[in-house]
């Protein structure tokens, strides 16, 4: 189902892909290790990031907080945003409207 949004889905997905890319060990979400991730070329890493962004968009409709590697992705229904944090530090957010 995904999260409710007023922006174009493709724009949200693009922004979320970039935001997720700021989590250095995001590959752990797919049970990969650093060596496996390093063997992927940049185009393949981008494909994995896009798949992760899409998975998160839909999963956040059910779970409002999802750990991704050393980060966490949070759906803020009140502010209509998806926040990306590492620890207490917010890396960025993706507006949904």
PDB file of N, CA and C in Angstrom:
ATOM      1  N   UNK A   1       0.817  -1.182   0.000  1.00  0.00           N
ATOM      2  CA  UNK A   1       0.000   0.000   0.000  1.00  0.00           C
ATOM      3  C   UNK A   1       0.867   1.254   0.000  1.00  0.00           C
ATOM      4  N   UNK A   2       1.867   1.325   0.831  1.00  0.00           N
ATOM      5  CA  UNK A   2       2.739   2.481   0.887  1.00  0.00           C
ATOM      6  C   UNK A   2       2.188   3.574   1.778  1.00  0.00           C
ATOM      7  N   UNK A   3       2.900   4.670   1.819  1.00  0.00           N
ATOM      8  CA  UNK A   3       2.484   5.800   2.639  1.00  0.00           C
ATOM      9  C   UNK A   3       1.632   6.758   1.806  1.00  0.00           C
ATOM     10  N   UNK A   4       0.765   7.493   2.478  1.00  0.00           N
ATOM     11  CA  UNK A   4      -0.039   8.488   1.774  1.00  0.00           C
ATOM     12  C   UNK A   4       0.885   9.608   1.325  1.00  0.00           C
ATOM     13  N   UNK A   5       0.646  10.086   0.104  1.00  0.00           N
ATOM     14  CA  UNK A   5       1.512  11.127  -0.439  1.00  0.00           C
ATOM     15  C   UNK A   5       0.742  11.987  -1.423  1.00  0.00           C
ATOM     16  N   UNK A   6       1.191  13.230  -1.570  1.00  0.00           N
ATOM     17  CA  UNK A   6       0.586  14.143  -2.520  1.00  0.00           C
ATOM     18  C   UNK A   6       1.534  14.475  -3.661  1.00  0.00           C
ATOM     19  N   UNK A   7       2.809  14.218  -3.463  1.00  0.00           N
ATOM     20  CA  UNK A   7       3.811  14.427  -4.508  1.00  0.00           C
ATOM     21  C   UNK A   7       3.788  13.266  -5.488  1.00  0.00           C
ATOM     22  N   UNK A   8       4.383  13.501  -6.640  1.00  0.00           N
ATOM     23  CA  UNK A   8       4.570  12.467  -7.643  1.00  0.00           C
ATOM     24  C   UNK A   8       5.404  11.329  -7.054  1.00  0.00           C
ATOM     25  N   UNK A   9       4.930  10.103  -7.207  1.00  0.00           N
ATOM     26  CA  UNK A   9       5.612   8.934  -6.646  1.00  0.00           C
ATOM     27  C   UNK A   9       7.052   8.838  -7.130  1.00  0.00           C
ATOM     28  N   UNK A  10       7.281   9.082  -8.414  1.00  0.00           N
ATOM     29  CA  UNK A  10       8.637   8.971  -8.966  1.00  0.00           C
ATOM     30  C   UNK A  10       9.587   9.963  -8.306  1.00  0.00           C
ATOM     31  N   UNK A  11       9.096  11.170  -8.024  1.00  0.00           N
ATOM     32  CA  UNK A  11       9.916  12.173  -7.343  1.00  0.00           C
ATOM     33  C   UNK A  11      10.260  11.748  -5.928  1.00  0.00           C
ATOM     34  N   UNK A  12       9.272  11.194  -5.236  1.00  0.00           N
ATOM     35  CA  UNK A  12       9.514  10.704  -3.880  1.00  0.00           C
ATOM     36  C   UNK A  12      10.538   9.571  -3.917  1.00  0.00           C
ATOM     37  N   UNK A  13      10.367   8.645  -4.843  1.00  0.00           N
ATOM     38  CA  UNK A  13      11.276   7.506  -4.947  1.00  0.00           C
ATOM     39  C   UNK A  13      12.703   7.965  -5.254  1.00  0.00           C
ATOM     40  N   UNK A  14      12.843   8.937  -6.147  1.00  0.00           N
ATOM     41  CA  UNK A  14      14.176   9.473  -6.472  1.00  0.00           C
ATOM     42  C   UNK A  14      14.808  10.097  -5.235  1.00  0.00           C
ATOM     43  N   UNK A  15      14.053  10.937  -4.524  1.00  0.00           N
ATOM     44  CA  UNK A  15      14.577  11.585  -3.318  1.00  0.00           C
ATOM     45  C   UNK A  15      14.903  10.569  -2.232  1.00  0.00           C
ATOM     46  N   UNK A  16      14.061   9.552  -2.083  1.00  0.00           N
ATOM     47  CA  UNK A  16      14.299   8.534  -1.067  1.00  0.00           C
ATOM     48  C   UNK A  16      15.535   7.702  -1.408  1.00  0.00           C
ATOM     49  N   UNK A  17      15.742   7.420  -2.677  1.00  0.00           N
ATOM     50  CA  UNK A  17      16.931   6.684  -3.108  1.00  0.00           C
ATOM     51  C   UNK A  17      18.195   7.446  -2.742  1.00  0.00           C
ATOM     52  N   UNK A  18      18.206   8.745  -3.001  1.00  0.00           N
ATOM     53  CA  UNK A  18      19.362   9.581  -2.658  1.00  0.00           C
ATOM     54  C   UNK A  18      19.550   9.620  -1.143  1.00  0.00           C
ATOM     55  N   UNK A  19      18.449   9.776  -0.412  1.00  0.00           N
ATOM     56  CA  UNK A  19      18.521   9.854   1.052  1.00  0.00           C
ATOM     57  C   UNK A  19      19.057   8.559   1.654  1.00  0.00           C
ATOM     58  N   UNK A  20      18.575   7.427   1.169  1.00  0.00           N
ATOM     59  CA  UNK A  20      19.023   6.123   1.657  1.00  0.00           C
ATOM     60  C   UNK A  20      20.510   5.939   1.375  1.00  0.00           C
ATOM     61  N   UNK A  21      20.975   6.493   0.261  1.00  0.00           N
ATOM     62  CA  UNK A  21      22.388   6.400  -0.106  1.00  0.00           C
ATOM     63  C   UNK A  21      23.316   7.047   0.903  1.00  0.00           C
ATOM     64  N   UNK A  22      22.774   7.842   1.809  1.00  0.00           N
ATOM     65  CA  UNK A  22      23.591   8.489   2.843  1.00  0.00           C
ATOM     66  C   UNK A  22      23.867   7.574   4.033  1.00  0.00           C
ATOM     67  N   UNK A  23      23.175   6.428   4.083  1.00  0.00           N
ATOM     68  CA  UNK A  23      23.432   5.452   5.148  1.00  0.00           C
ATOM     69  C   UNK A  23      24.557   4.546   4.647  1.00  0.00           C
ATOM     70  N   UNK A  24      25.735   4.634   5.253  1.00  0.00           N
ATOM     71  CA  UNK A  24      26.901   3.942   4.689  1.00  0.00           C
ATOM     72  C   UNK A  24      26.785   2.422   4.613  1.00  0.00           C
ATOM     73  N   UNK A  25      26.070   1.805   5.537  1.00  0.00           N
ATOM     74  CA  UNK A  25      25.976   0.344   5.549  1.00  0.00           C
ATOM     75  C   UNK A  25      24.555  -0.136   5.251  1.00  0.00           C
ATOM     76  N   UNK A  26      23.883   0.563   4.364  1.00  0.00           N
ATOM     77  CA  UNK A  26      22.496   0.239   4.009  1.00  0.00           C
ATOM     78  C   UNK A  26      22.355  -1.154   3.407  1.00  0.00           C
ATOM     79  N   UNK A  27      23.415  -1.682   2.838  1.00  0.00           N
ATOM     80  CA  UNK A  27      23.396  -3.003   2.212  1.00  0.00           C
ATOM     81  C   UNK A  27      23.062  -4.102   3.213  1.00  0.00           C
ATOM     82  N   UNK A  28      23.249  -3.843   4.506  1.00  0.00           N
ATOM     83  CA  UNK A  28      22.938  -4.826   5.544  1.00  0.00           C
ATOM     84  C   UNK A  28      21.449  -5.194   5.495  1.00  0.00           C
ATOM     85  N   UNK A  29      20.607  -4.253   5.057  1.00  0.00           N
ATOM     86  CA  UNK A  29      19.175  -4.507   4.938  1.00  0.00           C
ATOM     87  C   UNK A  29      18.910  -5.728   4.060  1.00  0.00           C
ATOM     88  N   UNK A  30      19.732  -5.921   3.036  1.00  0.00           N
ATOM     89  CA  UNK A  30      19.594  -7.059   2.123  1.00  0.00           C
ATOM     90  C   UNK A  30      20.529  -8.209   2.493  1.00  0.00           C
ATOM     91  N   UNK A  31      21.008  -8.184   3.736  1.00  0.00           N
ATOM     92  CA  UNK A  31      21.874  -9.236   4.266  1.00  0.00           C
ATOM     93  C   UNK A  31      23.153  -9.399   3.446  1.00  0.00           C
ATOM     94  N   UNK A  32      23.672  -8.280   2.965  1.00  0.00           N
ATOM     95  CA  UNK A  32      24.955  -8.277   2.273  1.00  0.00           C
ATOM     96  C   UNK A  32      26.021  -7.819   3.267  1.00  0.00           C
ATOM     97  N   UNK A  33      27.275  -8.160   2.980  1.00  0.00           N
ATOM     98  CA  UNK A  33      28.358  -7.620   3.798  1.00  0.00           C
ATOM     99  C   UNK A  33      29.125  -6.591   2.963  1.00  0.00           C
ATOM    100  N   UNK A  34      30.064  -5.923   3.594  1.00  0.00           N
ATOM    101  CA  UNK A  34      30.800  -4.841   2.930  1.00  0.00           C
ATOM    102  C   UNK A  34      31.547  -5.342   1.690  1.00  0.00           C
ATOM    103  N   UNK A  35      32.064  -6.551   1.762  1.00  0.00           N
ATOM    104  CA  UNK A  35      32.804  -7.106   0.629  1.00  0.00           C
ATOM    105  C   UNK A  35      31.880  -7.320  -0.577  1.00  0.00           C
ATOM    106  N   UNK A  36      30.713  -7.899  -0.321  1.00  0.00           N
ATOM    107  CA  UNK A  36      29.744  -8.120  -1.407  1.00  0.00           C
ATOM    108  C   UNK A  36      29.320  -6.786  -2.020  1.00  0.00           C
ATOM    109  N   UNK A  37      29.047  -5.807  -1.152  1.00  0.00           N
ATOM    110  CA  UNK A  37      28.638  -4.479  -1.622  1.00  0.00           C
ATOM    111  C   UNK A  37      29.743  -3.844  -2.473  1.00  0.00           C
ATOM    112  N   UNK A  38      30.981  -3.988  -2.024  1.00  0.00           N
ATOM    113  CA  UNK A  38      32.119  -3.407  -2.738  1.00  0.00           C
ATOM    114  C   UNK A  38      32.353  -4.029  -4.105  1.00  0.00           C
ATOM    115  N   UNK A  39      31.941  -5.269  -4.264  1.00  0.00           N
ATOM    116  CA  UNK A  39      32.110  -5.932  -5.567  1.00  0.00           C
ATOM    117  C   UNK A  39      31.107  -5.436  -6.605  1.00  0.00           C
ATOM    118  N   UNK A  40      30.025  -4.828  -6.125  1.00  0.00           N
ATOM    119  CA  UNK A  40      29.041  -4.282  -7.066  1.00  0.00           C
ATOM    120  C   UNK A  40      29.579  -2.997  -7.684  1.00  0.00           C
ATOM    121  N   UNK A  41      29.308  -2.809  -8.936  1.00  0.00           N
ATOM    122  CA  UNK A  41      29.662  -1.554  -9.582  1.00  0.00           C
ATOM    123  C   UNK A  41      28.667  -0.471  -9.174  1.00  0.00           C
ATOM    124  N   UNK A  42      28.985   0.763  -9.495  1.00  0.00           N
ATOM    125  CA  UNK A  42      28.104   1.874  -9.137  1.00  0.00           C
ATOM    126  C   UNK A  42      26.687   1.720  -9.698  1.00  0.00           C
ATOM    127  N   UNK A  43      26.527   1.281 -10.963  1.00  0.00           N
ATOM    128  CA  UNK A  43      25.155   1.093 -11.474  1.00  0.00           C
ATOM    129  C   UNK A  43      24.372   0.037 -10.691  1.00  0.00           C
ATOM    130  N   UNK A  44      25.053  -1.041 -10.290  1.00  0.00           N
ATOM    131  CA  UNK A  44      24.380  -2.090  -9.533  1.00  0.00           C
ATOM    132  C   UNK A  44      24.029  -1.602  -8.127  1.00  0.00           C
ATOM    133  N   UNK A  45      24.922  -0.818  -7.517  1.00  0.00           N
ATOM    134  CA  UNK A  45      24.629  -0.257  -6.198  1.00  0.00           C
ATOM    135  C   UNK A  45      23.411   0.663  -6.278  1.00  0.00           C
ATOM    136  N   UNK A  46      23.320   1.446  -7.333  1.00  0.00           N
ATOM    137  CA  UNK A  46      22.168   2.326  -7.508  1.00  0.00           C
ATOM    138  C   UNK A  46      20.889   1.505  -7.656  1.00  0.00           C
ATOM    139  N   UNK A  47      20.947   0.398  -8.383  1.00  0.00           N
ATOM    140  CA  UNK A  47      19.772  -0.480  -8.520  1.00  0.00           C
ATOM    141  C   UNK A  47      19.335  -1.019  -7.165  1.00  0.00           C
ATOM    142  N   UNK A  48      20.299  -1.410  -6.330  1.00  0.00           N
ATOM    143  CA  UNK A  48      19.974  -1.915  -4.993  1.00  0.00           C
ATOM    144  C   UNK A  48      19.354  -0.788  -4.163  1.00  0.00           C
ATOM    145  N   UNK A  49      19.922   0.422  -4.247  1.00  0.00           N
ATOM    146  CA  UNK A  49      19.375   1.557  -3.511  1.00  0.00           C
ATOM    147  C   UNK A  49      17.943   1.866  -3.960  1.00  0.00           C
ATOM    148  N   UNK A  50      17.687   1.798  -5.255  1.00  0.00           N
ATOM    149  CA  UNK A  50      16.330   2.039  -5.773  1.00  0.00           C
ATOM    150  C   UNK A  50      15.360   0.976  -5.264  1.00  0.00           C
ATOM    151  N   UNK A  51      15.798  -0.270  -5.263  1.00  0.00           N
ATOM    152  CA  UNK A  51      14.945  -1.356  -4.751  1.00  0.00           C
ATOM    153  C   UNK A  51      14.674  -1.163  -3.263  1.00  0.00           C
ATOM    154  N   UNK A  52      15.692  -0.753  -2.527  1.00  0.00           N
ATOM    155  CA  UNK A  52      15.533  -0.510  -1.096  1.00  0.00           C
ATOM    156  C   UNK A  52      14.554   0.639  -0.854  1.00  0.00           C
ATOM    157  N   UNK A  53      14.688   1.716  -1.612  1.00  0.00           N
ATOM    158  CA  UNK A  53      13.784   2.864  -1.463  1.00  0.00           C
ATOM    159  C   UNK A  53      12.342   2.445  -1.727  1.00  0.00           C
ATOM    160  N   UNK A  54      12.129   1.664  -2.759  1.00  0.00           N
ATOM    161  CA  UNK A  54      10.779   1.203  -3.079  1.00  0.00           C
ATOM    162  C   UNK A  54      10.232   0.288  -1.984  1.00  0.00           C
ATOM    163  N   UNK A  55      11.062  -0.648  -1.509  1.00  0.00           N
ATOM    164  CA  UNK A  55      10.645  -1.537  -0.423  1.00  0.00           C
ATOM    165  C   UNK A  55      10.267  -0.735   0.823  1.00  0.00           C
ATOM    166  N   UNK A  56      11.092   0.255   1.150  1.00  0.00           N
ATOM    167  CA  UNK A  56      10.827   1.071   2.335  1.00  0.00           C
ATOM    168  C   UNK A  56       9.544   1.877   2.191  1.00  0.00           C
ATOM    169  N   UNK A  57       9.331   2.452   1.013  1.00  0.00           N
ATOM    170  CA  UNK A  57       8.129   3.259   0.797  1.00  0.00           C
ATOM    171  C   UNK A  57       6.877   2.448   1.117  1.00  0.00           C
ATOM    172  N   UNK A  58       6.835   1.222   0.638  1.00  0.00           N
ATOM    173  CA  UNK A  58       5.664   0.380   0.876  1.00  0.00           C
ATOM    174  C   UNK A  58       5.625  -0.160   2.300  1.00  0.00           C
ATOM    175  N   UNK A  59       6.768  -0.522   2.838  1.00  0.00           N
ATOM    176  CA  UNK A  59       6.805  -1.066   4.199  1.00  0.00           C
ATOM    177  C   UNK A  59       6.433  -0.008   5.237  1.00  0.00           C
ATOM    178  N   UNK A  60       6.768   1.251   4.973  1.00  0.00           N
ATOM    179  CA  UNK A  60       6.452   2.317   5.920  1.00  0.00           C
ATOM    180  C   UNK A  60       4.948   2.548   6.044  1.00  0.00           C
ATOM    181  N   UNK A  61       4.173   2.019   5.131  1.00  0.00           N
ATOM    182  CA  UNK A  61       2.724   2.066   5.254  1.00  0.00           C
ATOM    183  C   UNK A  61       2.217   1.171   6.374  1.00  0.00           C
ATOM    184  N   UNK A  62       3.019   0.174   6.748  1.00  0.00           N
ATOM    185  CA  UNK A  62       2.660  -0.769   7.813  1.00  0.00           C
ATOM    186  C   UNK A  62       3.453  -0.517   9.099  1.00  0.00           C
ATOM    187  N   UNK A  63       4.724  -0.237   8.956  1.00  0.00           N
ATOM    188  CA  UNK A  63       5.629  -0.008  10.087  1.00  0.00           C
ATOM    189  C   UNK A  63       6.175   1.411   9.976  1.00  0.00           C
ATOM    190  N   UNK A  64       6.042   2.209  11.019  1.00  0.00           N
ATOM    191  CA  UNK A  64       6.483   3.606  10.914  1.00  0.00           C
ATOM    192  C   UNK A  64       7.975   3.795  11.173  1.00  0.00           C
ATOM    193  N   UNK A  65       8.662   2.780  11.703  1.00  0.00           N
ATOM    194  CA  UNK A  65      10.093   2.853  11.970  1.00  0.00           C
ATOM    195  C   UNK A  65      10.752   1.577  11.450  1.00  0.00           C
ATOM    196  N   UNK A  66      11.738   1.745  10.567  1.00  0.00           N
ATOM    197  CA  UNK A  66      12.420   0.586   9.990  1.00  0.00           C
ATOM    198  C   UNK A  66      13.928   0.808  10.069  1.00  0.00           C
ATOM    199  N   UNK A  67      14.651  -0.100  10.744  1.00  0.00           N
ATOM    200  CA  UNK A  67      16.105   0.005  10.785  1.00  0.00           C
ATOM    201  C   UNK A  67      16.707  -0.374   9.432  1.00  0.00           C
ATOM    202  N   UNK A  68      17.710   0.397   9.033  1.00  0.00           N
ATOM    203  CA  UNK A  68      18.429   0.136   7.782  1.00  0.00           C
ATOM    204  C   UNK A  68      19.913   0.302   8.095  1.00  0.00           C
ATOM    205  N   UNK A  69      20.623  -0.818   8.239  1.00  0.00           N
ATOM    206  CA  UNK A  69      22.031  -0.741   8.622  1.00  0.00           C
ATOM    207  C   UNK A  69      22.161   0.007   9.937  1.00  0.00           C
ATOM    208  N   UNK A  70      23.065   0.989   9.985  1.00  0.00           N
ATOM    209  CA  UNK A  70      23.260   1.783  11.201  1.00  0.00           C
ATOM    210  C   UNK A  70      22.265   2.931  11.291  1.00  0.00           C
ATOM    211  N   UNK A  71      21.378   3.033  10.320  1.00  0.00           N
ATOM    212  CA  UNK A  71      20.393   4.102  10.293  1.00  0.00           C
ATOM    213  C   UNK A  71      18.997   3.608  10.611  1.00  0.00           C
ATOM    214  N   UNK A  72      18.086   4.568  10.597  1.00  0.00           N
ATOM    215  CA  UNK A  72      16.675   4.251  10.800  1.00  0.00           C
ATOM    216  C   UNK A  72      15.862   5.165   9.883  1.00  0.00           C
ATOM    217  N   UNK A  73      14.806   4.602   9.330  1.00  0.00           N
ATOM    218  CA  UNK A  73      13.922   5.344   8.441  1.00  0.00           C
ATOM    219  C   UNK A  73      12.568   5.430   9.139  1.00  0.00           C
ATOM    220  N   UNK A  74      12.055   6.651   9.261  1.00  0.00           N
ATOM    221  CA  UNK A  74      10.844   6.891  10.042  1.00  0.00           C
ATOM    222  C   UNK A  74       9.809   7.623   9.200  1.00  0.00           C
ATOM    223  N   UNK A  75       8.590   7.099   9.188  1.00  0.00           N
ATOM    224  CA  UNK A  75       7.482   7.780   8.523  1.00  0.00           C
ATOM    225  C   UNK A  75       6.809   8.673   9.551  1.00  0.00           C
ATOM    226  N   UNK A  76       6.848   9.964   9.335  1.00  0.00           N
ATOM    227  CA  UNK A  76       6.221  10.951  10.211  1.00  0.00           C
ATOM    228  C   UNK A  76       4.899  11.362   9.573  1.00  0.00           C
ATOM    229  N   UNK A  77       3.814  10.753  10.033  1.00  0.00           N
ATOM    230  CA  UNK A  77       2.493  11.012   9.455  1.00  0.00           C
ATOM    231  C   UNK A  77       2.029  12.439   9.698  1.00  0.00           C
ATOM    232  N   UNK A  78       2.427  13.018  10.819  1.00  0.00           N
ATOM    233  CA  UNK A  78       1.999  14.377  11.168  1.00  0.00           C
ATOM    234  C   UNK A  78       2.606  15.420  10.225  1.00  0.00           C
ATOM    235  N   UNK A  79       3.900  15.264   9.928  1.00  0.00           N
ATOM    236  CA  UNK A  79       4.597  16.232   9.078  1.00  0.00           C
ATOM    237  C   UNK A  79       4.641  15.801   7.613  1.00  0.00           C
ATOM    238  N   UNK A  80       4.104  14.625   7.307  1.00  0.00           N
ATOM    239  CA  UNK A  80       4.093  14.101   5.937  1.00  0.00           C
ATOM    240  C   UNK A  80       5.512  14.040   5.368  1.00  0.00           C
ATOM    241  N   UNK A  81       6.373  13.364   6.127  1.00  0.00           N
ATOM    242  CA  UNK A  81       7.780  13.236   5.743  1.00  0.00           C
ATOM    243  C   UNK A  81       8.280  11.834   6.060  1.00  0.00           C
ATOM    244  N   UNK A  82       9.348  11.474   5.377  1.00  0.00           N
ATOM    245  CA  UNK A  82      10.112  10.284   5.723  1.00  0.00           C
ATOM    246  C   UNK A  82      11.467  10.793   6.187  1.00  0.00           C
ATOM    247  N   UNK A  83      11.809  10.520   7.459  1.00  0.00           N
ATOM    248  CA  UNK A  83      13.070  10.973   8.046  1.00  0.00           C
ATOM    249  C   UNK A  83      14.092   9.853   7.979  1.00  0.00           C
ATOM    250  N   UNK A  84      15.337  10.212   7.703  1.00  0.00           N
ATOM    251  CA  UNK A  84      16.436   9.257   7.676  1.00  0.00           C
ATOM    252  C   UNK A  84      17.430   9.707   8.739  1.00  0.00           C
ATOM    253  N   UNK A  85      17.689   8.852   9.725  1.00  0.00           N
ATOM    254  CA  UNK A  85      18.569   9.193  10.839  1.00  0.00           C
ATOM    255  C   UNK A  85      19.653   8.146  11.018  1.00  0.00           C
ATOM    256  N   UNK A  86      20.758   8.588  11.580  1.00  0.00           N
ATOM    257  CA  UNK A  86      21.775   7.687  12.126  1.00  0.00           C
ATOM    258  C   UNK A  86      21.941   8.133  13.570  1.00  0.00           C
ATOM    259  N   UNK A  87      21.608   7.243  14.497  1.00  0.00           N
ATOM    260  CA  UNK A  87      21.589   7.620  15.905  1.00  0.00           C
ATOM    261  C   UNK A  87      20.550   8.711  16.117  1.00  0.00           C
ATOM    262  N   UNK A  88      20.934   9.760  16.784  1.00  0.00           N
ATOM    263  CA  UNK A  88      20.039  10.886  17.034  1.00  0.00           C
ATOM    264  C   UNK A  88      20.120  11.931  15.924  1.00  0.00           C
ATOM    265  N   UNK A  89      21.077  11.787  15.030  1.00  0.00           N
ATOM    266  CA  UNK A  89      21.319  12.787  13.990  1.00  0.00           C
ATOM    267  C   UNK A  89      20.467  12.523  12.750  1.00  0.00           C
ATOM    268  N   UNK A  90      19.683  13.529  12.384  1.00  0.00           N
ATOM    269  CA  UNK A  90      18.896  13.404  11.152  1.00  0.00           C
ATOM    270  C   UNK A  90      19.803  13.723   9.967  1.00  0.00           C
ATOM    271  N   UNK A  91      19.892  12.774   9.041  1.00  0.00           N
ATOM    272  CA  UNK A  91      20.689  12.987   7.841  1.00  0.00           C
ATOM    273  C   UNK A  91      19.921  13.851   6.847  1.00  0.00           C
ATOM    274  N   UNK A  92      18.655  13.515   6.682  1.00  0.00           N
ATOM    275  CA  UNK A  92      17.820  14.234   5.719  1.00  0.00           C
ATOM    276  C   UNK A  92      16.386  13.768   5.896  1.00  0.00           C
ATOM    277  N   UNK A  93      15.493  14.351   5.122  1.00  0.00           N
ATOM    278  CA  UNK A  93      14.112  13.880   5.093  1.00  0.00           C
ATOM    279  C   UNK A  93      13.587  14.032   3.684  1.00  0.00           C
ATOM    280  N   UNK A  94      12.528  13.290   3.392  1.00  0.00           N
ATOM    281  CA  UNK A  94      11.880  13.316   2.091  1.00  0.00           C
ATOM    282  C   UNK A  94      10.432  13.782   2.309  1.00  0.00           C
ATOM    283  N   UNK A  95      10.064  14.933   1.743  1.00  0.00           N
ATOM    284  CA  UNK A  95       8.676  15.388   1.884  1.00  0.00           C
ATOM    285  C   UNK A  95       7.731  14.538   1.024  1.00  0.00           C
ATOM    286  N   UNK A  96       6.542  14.283   1.559  1.00  0.00           N
ATOM    287  CA  UNK A  96       5.559  13.473   0.852  1.00  0.00           C
ATOM    288  C   UNK A  96       4.496  14.324   0.183  1.00  0.00           C
ATOM    289  N   UNK A  97       4.413  15.601   0.536  1.00  0.00           N
ATOM    290  CA  UNK A  97       3.446  16.503  -0.089  1.00  0.00           C
ATOM    291  C   UNK A  97       4.158  17.738  -0.618  1.00  0.00           C
TER     292      UNK A  97
END
